[in-house]
Structures are given as C-alpha cells and as structure tokens.
Amino acid sequence: MDLSVEIAGLRLENPVLAASGTYGYGTEFEDIVNLASLGAVVTKGLSREPMPGNPSPRLFETSAGMLNSVGLQNIGASAFVRTRLPRLRQLGVTVIANVFGETVDDYVAVIEMLNAGEGIAAYELNASCPNTRCGGMVFGTDRELLGQLVAAAKRVSRRPLIVKLSPNVTSIAEMARAAEGAGADALAVANTFLGMAIDAETRRPRFARVVAGLSGPAIKPLALRMVYETRRAVGLPIIGLGGISTAQDAVEFLLAGASAVAIGTTNFWDPKATENVLGGLRQFCLRHGIASLRTLTGALRLSDEIGGEAER
C-alpha cells in the first residue's frame, strides 16, 4: 500500500498533516504523537517580530465547532529557527512553516529569516487569518493584493510556496486562479469562516475583536465544496482542511480534489487525531483494495457515466 503523496515537488510519506494554529510549533505533541509518522506538521503562524496575540477570551465552543480569536501569538521567525526547529529536525519531522505579516515587506522578511533554517520543507503563506487588525484576510479577499503578495513571496522563497486561501470570499476559484497566476506552488483550502458569539446576559460580544474564526465539523460541507471548486479552477495540488475529524472525512476531501488533508480543531479534543485519521486511511485502502492513495485525488463520480478523475 502506497500512502505517499506529492505536493509541489515535495514528497510526503502520507497525506495527513497537522494544521497550523492547532499544533503549536509541533514539539508540544512529541510525547503524544509520533510526529515523524505524519505527512507534515504545519507550524503556528510565524511573524517578523514576536506577537502577543489577542486579549482573552480567545476560544469559545459552539454547538458544532469552535470560534477562535488567538491573534497569531508567536515567538517570531528568528526565535523559531533558533529554539524550535533544531528539535523538530532531531525528531525527523517534515516541517511546513506558516508565514504571516501585516504588509508585503513583513511576509518577505519572515521568509528570508526562515530561508536560513535547516529542515524546513515548505512555506504556508497565511493570506487568510481573520483575527488580526491588518494583513491576513485583507490580502486573502482581494485578488490583486493576493497576487502581489504571492509574487513577492515567491521571489524570495527557497522552498515550495503553499498559499492558504480565505473562505470569506464570493469566489474561491477566482482567488485560487490569482494565486496560481502569481506563482503559488500549491494551495491550502480553506481557513476559518468569520463568525461571532454574544453573551446574552451581559449583551456583550464574547471576543474583544467581536468577530472570530469558526472551525470544526460545522464548516466541513463548506470547505469540501471549496476544495471541489478549487480543483476545477486550477491545476495546483491542494491541501484540504476544514472540519476533518475522521478518515472518512479525509477521503471525502481527497475525492473532491485534495492531494493531502490537514487536521485542525479536532486536535483540541483528541490530541491523537492525526494518527487516528492516518490509521483509518490505511484501513479504508485495505477494505477497498486501493494500492495507491493518490488514485483517490479528484476521483469523485459525478454521474453513472463519469468515473475516475472528475472533470475540471
């Protein structure tokens, strides 16, 4: 059985990734999960300078997921290279560094800092976070700005560039084409959806910034649809994420067009979710006689007449 996949020239042993923002820097899980057994670990967002993040409260559980307003708290790209990356290399982890900035120059500076780090396999360009005052979602919801950001990042990147798209747009296909045209090597679809929560007793919003990012099972049907639309719009490999908690969820994303999947919010209530999904994928392949998991990518059957890879 071959579970390996290829993302923008990067060969991964399997398609299961730990999603950014839900796994810390990776080392926090080393006593719970065999990190080297995963396809990759995507670090939390790394910025030019350390960021304190948003004021508490930062998390709020919903009926089918979670709202978060963490605000990309992190130690900064340079500190990550010095203090966290060496341990990840010792553990044999495939590391994808999530990159964030408030301006194009910020993003470029972060990538240049990370270029010097040994052991980083790729960059995930966070052009979609809704929980900061500027940057992030501003780029992810404007086609021209996204193109400018991706082009600038690609010029300085020494590793494959994965662009994480915002779902808070009218057309995910349009944004995917903008990223592809600017030089993206792969896409991650998609980040959290804008939402909010109100405390009825105090009549106040539950978050200082009022709006927050909704993730978890509630967004799975929406994220699945966006992966399908992205697959039909561009030829880039796609990492699908949004509400994945079981191997069946992962298979659905692969069928819709993803080459790999990232497990996010599920890690909060099941720290071994990544390993469990990976094990479930192996069992799925055994039950269905699948020799190579890559054959599932885009293999959605749209009608009785259409089999194999879905038309784009």
Protein backbone atom coordinates (compact mmCIF):
# COMPACT_ATOMS: atom_id res chain seq x y z
CA MET A 1 0.00 0.00 0.00
CA ASP A 2 1.42 3.37 -1.04
CA LEU A 3 0.16 6.29 1.05
CA SER A 4 2.73 8.76 -0.25
CA VAL A 5 1.69 11.97 -1.99
CA GLU A 6 3.48 14.77 -3.78
CA ILE A 7 2.81 18.45 -3.12
CA ALA A 8 4.65 20.88 -5.40
CA GLY A 9 7.65 18.58 -5.78
CA LEU A 10 7.66 17.74 -2.08
CA ARG A 11 7.19 14.03 -1.40
CA LEU A 12 5.28 13.26 1.78
CA GLU A 13 5.08 9.77 3.26
CA ASN A 14 1.33 10.17 3.70
CA PRO A 15 -1.33 12.87 3.17
CA VAL A 16 -2.12 13.64 6.83
CA LEU A 17 -0.85 16.99 8.11
CA ALA A 18 -1.26 18.77 11.43
CA ALA A 19 -2.87 22.13 10.65
CA SER A 20 -1.36 25.47 11.59
CA GLY A 21 -2.62 27.06 14.78
CA THR A 22 -3.73 23.78 16.34
CA TYR A 23 -0.39 22.07 16.95
CA GLY A 24 1.78 24.82 18.38
CA TYR A 25 5.27 24.50 16.95
CA GLY A 26 4.94 20.72 16.82
CA THR A 27 7.18 19.88 19.75
CA GLU A 28 4.25 20.29 22.16
CA PHE A 29 2.87 16.99 20.83
CA GLU A 30 6.06 14.93 20.76
CA ASP A 31 5.13 12.92 23.89
CA ILE A 32 1.68 12.11 22.47
CA VAL A 33 2.14 11.56 18.74
CA ASN A 34 4.94 10.11 16.64
CA LEU A 35 5.43 13.34 14.73
CA ALA A 36 7.73 11.73 12.16
CA SER A 37 4.87 9.40 11.16
CA LEU A 38 2.76 12.30 9.88
CA GLY A 39 2.92 13.68 6.37
CA ALA A 40 3.98 17.03 7.84
CA VAL A 41 3.46 19.41 10.73
CA VAL A 42 2.45 22.96 9.85
CA THR A 43 3.70 25.37 12.49
CA LYS A 44 1.60 28.10 14.00
CA GLY A 45 1.90 31.42 12.18
CA LEU A 46 5.38 32.97 12.35
CA SER A 47 5.83 36.73 12.12
CA ARG A 48 8.72 39.17 11.71
CA GLU A 49 8.70 40.04 15.42
CA PRO A 50 7.12 38.20 18.37
CA MET A 51 3.38 38.85 18.68
CA PRO A 52 1.38 38.75 21.94
CA GLY A 53 -1.89 37.83 20.26
CA ASN A 54 -5.38 38.99 21.20
CA PRO A 55 -6.71 39.51 24.73
CA SER A 56 -8.62 36.72 26.46
CA PRO A 57 -11.01 35.07 25.99
CA ARG A 58 -9.65 33.56 22.79
CA LEU A 59 -11.73 30.41 22.37
CA PHE A 60 -15.45 29.72 22.51
CA GLU A 61 -17.05 26.35 21.88
CA THR A 62 -20.03 26.30 19.53
CA SER A 63 -22.63 23.58 19.01
CA ALA A 64 -20.64 22.06 16.14
CA GLY A 65 -17.17 23.52 16.36
CA MET A 66 -15.17 26.34 17.85
CA LEU A 67 -14.65 30.07 17.48
CA ASN A 68 -11.12 31.34 17.98
CA SER A 69 -9.54 34.76 18.21
CA VAL A 70 -5.99 33.88 19.19
CA GLY A 71 -4.46 36.61 17.06
CA LEU A 72 -1.39 34.69 15.88
CA GLN A 73 0.56 34.83 19.13
CA ASN A 74 4.07 33.54 18.35
CA ILE A 75 7.74 33.84 19.27
CA GLY A 76 8.81 35.24 15.90
CA ALA A 77 10.52 33.60 12.94
CA SER A 78 14.11 34.07 14.16
CA ALA A 79 13.39 32.57 17.57
CA PHE A 80 11.63 29.63 15.92
CA VAL A 81 14.71 28.87 13.82
CA ARG A 82 16.97 29.08 16.88
CA THR A 83 14.89 27.36 19.54
CA ARG A 84 12.27 25.06 17.97
CA LEU A 85 13.49 23.96 14.55
CA PRO A 86 16.55 22.03 15.83
CA ARG A 87 14.33 19.75 17.94
CA LEU A 88 11.93 19.15 15.06
CA ARG A 89 14.90 18.10 12.93
CA GLN A 90 16.03 15.67 15.66
CA LEU A 91 12.56 14.12 15.67
CA GLY A 92 12.58 13.68 11.89
CA VAL A 93 9.53 15.87 11.35
CA THR A 94 8.61 17.22 7.92
CA VAL A 95 8.13 20.90 8.77
CA ILE A 96 5.97 23.37 6.86
CA ALA A 97 6.38 26.87 8.29
CA ASN A 98 3.29 29.07 8.31
CA VAL A 99 4.23 32.65 7.40
CA PHE A 100 2.33 35.76 8.42
CA GLY A 101 2.76 39.51 8.11
CA GLU A 102 0.82 42.77 8.16
CA THR A 103 2.50 44.09 4.99
CA VAL A 104 4.10 42.50 1.94
CA ASP A 105 7.51 43.54 3.32
CA ASP A 106 6.72 41.68 6.54
CA TYR A 107 5.94 38.46 4.70
CA VAL A 108 9.12 38.79 2.64
CA ALA A 109 11.22 39.42 5.75
CA VAL A 110 9.81 36.35 7.51
CA ILE A 111 10.56 34.11 4.54
CA GLU A 112 14.09 35.48 4.34
CA MET A 113 14.59 34.67 8.03
CA LEU A 114 13.26 31.15 7.53
CA ASN A 115 15.35 30.56 4.40
CA ALA A 116 18.36 30.23 6.68
CA GLY A 117 16.71 27.49 8.74
CA GLU A 118 17.76 23.91 8.00
CA GLY A 119 14.95 21.38 7.95
CA ILE A 120 12.02 23.41 6.64
CA ALA A 121 10.33 21.63 3.73
CA ALA A 122 7.93 24.34 2.54
CA TYR A 123 6.19 27.57 3.47
CA GLU A 124 2.47 28.05 4.00
CA LEU A 125 1.58 31.65 3.20
CA ASN A 126 -1.15 32.71 5.60
CA ALA A 127 -3.12 35.10 3.43
CA SER A 128 -6.37 34.45 5.23
CA CYS A 129 -6.36 34.88 9.01
CA PRO A 130 -9.40 36.89 10.20
CA ASN A 131 -8.10 37.60 13.69
CA THR A 132 -5.68 40.50 13.28
CA ARG A 133 -6.16 44.21 12.67
CA CYS A 134 -4.37 44.32 9.33
CA GLY A 135 -2.77 41.96 6.87
CA GLY A 136 -4.06 38.40 6.70
CA MET A 137 -7.58 38.41 5.40
CA VAL A 138 -7.10 41.77 3.68
CA PHE A 139 -4.78 40.04 1.22
CA GLY A 140 -6.88 36.90 1.05
CA THR A 141 -10.06 38.67 -0.04
CA ASP A 142 -8.61 40.96 -2.72
CA ARG A 143 -7.49 39.30 -5.97
CA GLU A 144 -4.91 41.95 -6.88
CA LEU A 145 -3.42 42.19 -3.39
CA LEU A 146 -3.22 38.42 -3.14
CA GLY A 147 -1.39 38.26 -6.47
CA GLN A 148 1.09 40.92 -5.35
CA LEU A 149 1.74 39.12 -2.07
CA VAL A 150 2.23 35.70 -3.63
CA ALA A 151 4.55 37.09 -6.33
CA ALA A 152 6.71 38.88 -3.76
CA ALA A 153 6.88 35.83 -1.51
CA LYS A 154 7.70 33.53 -4.41
CA ARG A 155 10.63 35.73 -5.49
CA VAL A 156 12.45 35.24 -2.19
CA SER A 157 11.32 31.74 -1.23
CA ARG A 158 13.87 28.93 -1.40
CA ARG A 159 11.18 26.33 -0.76
CA PRO A 160 7.80 25.42 -2.24
CA LEU A 161 5.15 28.06 -1.51
CA ILE A 162 1.72 26.89 -0.36
CA VAL A 163 -0.90 29.65 -0.26
CA LYS A 164 -3.61 29.29 2.36
CA LEU A 165 -6.79 30.81 0.96
CA SER A 166 -9.55 32.60 2.82
CA PRO A 167 -13.07 31.12 2.56
CA ASN A 168 -14.56 34.55 3.24
CA VAL A 169 -14.84 35.44 -0.43
CA THR A 170 -17.51 35.36 -3.12
CA SER A 171 -15.47 33.06 -5.39
CA ILE A 172 -12.77 30.76 -4.07
CA ALA A 173 -11.99 29.78 -7.67
CA GLU A 174 -11.13 33.38 -8.56
CA MET A 175 -8.72 33.67 -5.64
CA ALA A 176 -7.18 30.31 -6.48
CA ARG A 177 -6.52 31.43 -10.04
CA ALA A 178 -4.94 34.66 -8.75
CA ALA A 179 -2.58 32.69 -6.51
CA GLU A 180 -1.72 30.27 -9.30
CA GLY A 181 -1.03 33.10 -11.72
CA ALA A 182 1.31 34.77 -9.24
CA GLY A 183 3.45 31.68 -8.80
CA ALA A 184 1.95 29.61 -5.96
CA ASP A 185 3.18 26.02 -5.92
CA ALA A 186 0.17 24.64 -4.03
CA LEU A 187 -2.95 25.81 -2.20
CA ALA A 188 -4.45 25.14 1.24
CA VAL A 189 -8.26 25.36 1.23
CA ALA A 190 -9.50 26.78 3.46
CA ASN A 191 -9.01 28.81 6.63
CA THR A 192 -11.70 29.63 9.19
CA PHE A 193 -15.01 31.31 8.41
CA LEU A 194 -15.97 34.61 10.02
CA GLY A 195 -18.38 34.23 12.91
CA MET A 196 -19.26 35.74 16.26
CA ALA A 197 -20.75 34.91 19.63
CA ILE A 198 -22.73 37.06 22.06
CA ASP A 199 -23.22 36.73 25.81
CA ALA A 200 -26.95 37.29 26.20
CA GLU A 201 -26.68 38.03 29.94
CA THR A 202 -24.20 40.89 29.54
CA ARG A 203 -25.29 41.83 26.00
CA ARG A 204 -21.63 41.91 25.02
CA PRO A 205 -19.66 40.07 22.32
CA ARG A 206 -17.64 37.19 23.69
CA PHE A 207 -14.47 38.37 21.91
CA ALA A 208 -12.72 41.71 22.21
CA ARG A 209 -12.48 41.89 18.42
CA VAL A 210 -16.18 40.91 18.13
CA VAL A 211 -15.69 38.57 15.16
CA ALA A 212 -13.68 35.36 15.29
CA GLY A 213 -12.81 32.37 13.13
CA LEU A 214 -15.22 29.43 13.05
CA SER A 215 -13.71 25.96 12.60
CA GLY A 216 -14.64 22.37 13.31
CA PRO A 217 -17.33 20.00 11.94
CA ALA A 218 -19.72 22.88 11.25
CA ILE A 219 -17.62 24.13 8.33
CA LYS A 220 -16.83 20.79 6.71
CA PRO A 221 -19.54 20.90 3.99
CA LEU A 222 -18.49 24.43 3.06
CA ALA A 223 -14.78 23.63 2.97
CA LEU A 224 -15.44 20.47 0.98
CA ARG A 225 -17.34 22.46 -1.64
CA MET A 226 -14.49 24.97 -1.85
CA VAL A 227 -11.91 22.24 -2.42
CA TYR A 228 -14.08 20.87 -5.24
CA GLU A 229 -14.44 24.32 -6.83
CA THR A 230 -10.71 24.99 -6.50
CA ARG A 231 -9.84 21.66 -8.11
CA ARG A 232 -11.97 22.55 -11.11
CA ALA A 233 -10.43 26.03 -11.39
CA VAL A 234 -6.67 25.39 -11.17
CA GLY A 235 -4.08 22.71 -11.75
CA LEU A 236 -2.21 23.17 -8.45
CA PRO A 237 -2.11 20.50 -5.76
CA ILE A 238 -4.50 21.23 -2.89
CA ILE A 239 -4.28 20.61 0.84
CA GLY A 240 -7.86 20.34 2.08
CA LEU A 241 -8.87 21.34 5.57
CA GLY A 242 -11.96 22.35 7.48
CA GLY A 243 -13.84 20.12 9.92
CA ILE A 244 -11.91 16.91 9.26
CA SER A 245 -12.10 14.56 12.24
CA THR A 246 -12.29 11.05 10.76
CA ALA A 247 -10.70 9.04 7.97
CA GLN A 248 -14.00 9.18 6.07
CA ASP A 249 -13.86 12.99 6.20
CA ALA A 250 -10.33 12.84 4.81
CA VAL A 251 -11.37 10.53 1.95
CA GLU A 252 -14.18 12.92 1.03
CA PHE A 253 -11.68 15.78 0.70
CA LEU A 254 -9.40 13.63 -1.44
CA LEU A 255 -12.28 12.67 -3.72
CA ALA A 256 -13.23 16.35 -4.03
CA GLY A 257 -9.74 17.12 -5.32
CA ALA A 258 -7.31 17.42 -2.42
CA SER A 259 -3.92 15.72 -2.57
CA ALA A 260 -3.49 15.93 1.20
CA VAL A 261 -5.52 16.94 4.25
CA ALA A 262 -4.77 18.92 7.40
CA ILE A 263 -6.35 18.11 10.76
CA GLY A 264 -7.07 21.17 12.88
CA THR A 265 -9.72 21.77 15.53
CA THR A 266 -10.11 18.04 16.24
CA ASN A 267 -6.66 18.13 17.86
CA PHE A 268 -8.13 20.17 20.72
CA TRP A 269 -10.37 17.34 21.92
CA ASP A 270 -8.35 14.41 20.56
CA PRO A 271 -4.58 15.05 20.58
CA LYS A 272 -4.03 11.80 18.67
CA ALA A 273 -6.48 12.73 15.92
CA THR A 274 -3.78 12.91 13.25
CA GLU A 275 -2.57 9.38 13.96
CA ASN A 276 -6.13 8.09 14.18
CA VAL A 277 -7.06 9.57 10.80
CA LEU A 278 -3.90 8.11 9.27
CA GLY A 279 -4.70 4.68 10.65
CA GLY A 280 -8.24 4.97 9.35
CA LEU A 281 -6.98 5.81 5.87
CA ARG A 282 -4.87 2.64 5.87
CA GLN A 283 -7.93 0.59 6.82
CA PHE A 284 -10.01 2.29 4.11
CA CYS A 285 -7.44 1.39 1.48
CA LEU A 286 -7.32 -2.22 2.68
CA ARG A 287 -11.12 -2.56 2.59
CA HIS A 288 -11.35 -1.15 -0.91
CA GLY A 289 -8.24 -2.76 -2.38
CA ILE A 290 -6.56 0.58 -3.05
CA ALA A 291 -2.86 0.16 -3.79
CA SER A 292 -2.06 3.88 -4.05
CA LEU A 293 -3.90 6.56 -2.10
CA ARG A 294 -3.07 9.07 -4.83
CA THR A 295 -5.69 7.45 -7.05
CA LEU A 296 -8.41 8.92 -4.81
CA THR A 297 -7.50 12.54 -5.56
CA GLY A 298 -10.20 14.04 -7.74
CA ALA A 299 -11.86 10.63 -8.23
CA LEU A 300 -15.34 11.92 -7.45
CA ARG A 301 -18.00 10.28 -9.63
CA LEU A 302 -20.35 12.99 -10.80
CA SER A 303 -22.77 10.57 -12.51
CA ASP A 304 -23.04 6.96 -13.61
CA GLU A 305 -21.31 7.93 -16.85
CA ILE A 306 -18.36 9.68 -15.23
CA GLY A 307 -15.87 7.55 -13.36
CA GLY A 308 -12.34 8.06 -12.19
CA GLU A 309 -10.99 11.57 -12.05
CA ALA A 310 -13.75 14.19 -12.05
CA GLU A 311 -13.86 16.65 -14.92
CA ARG A 312 -12.29 20.00 -14.14
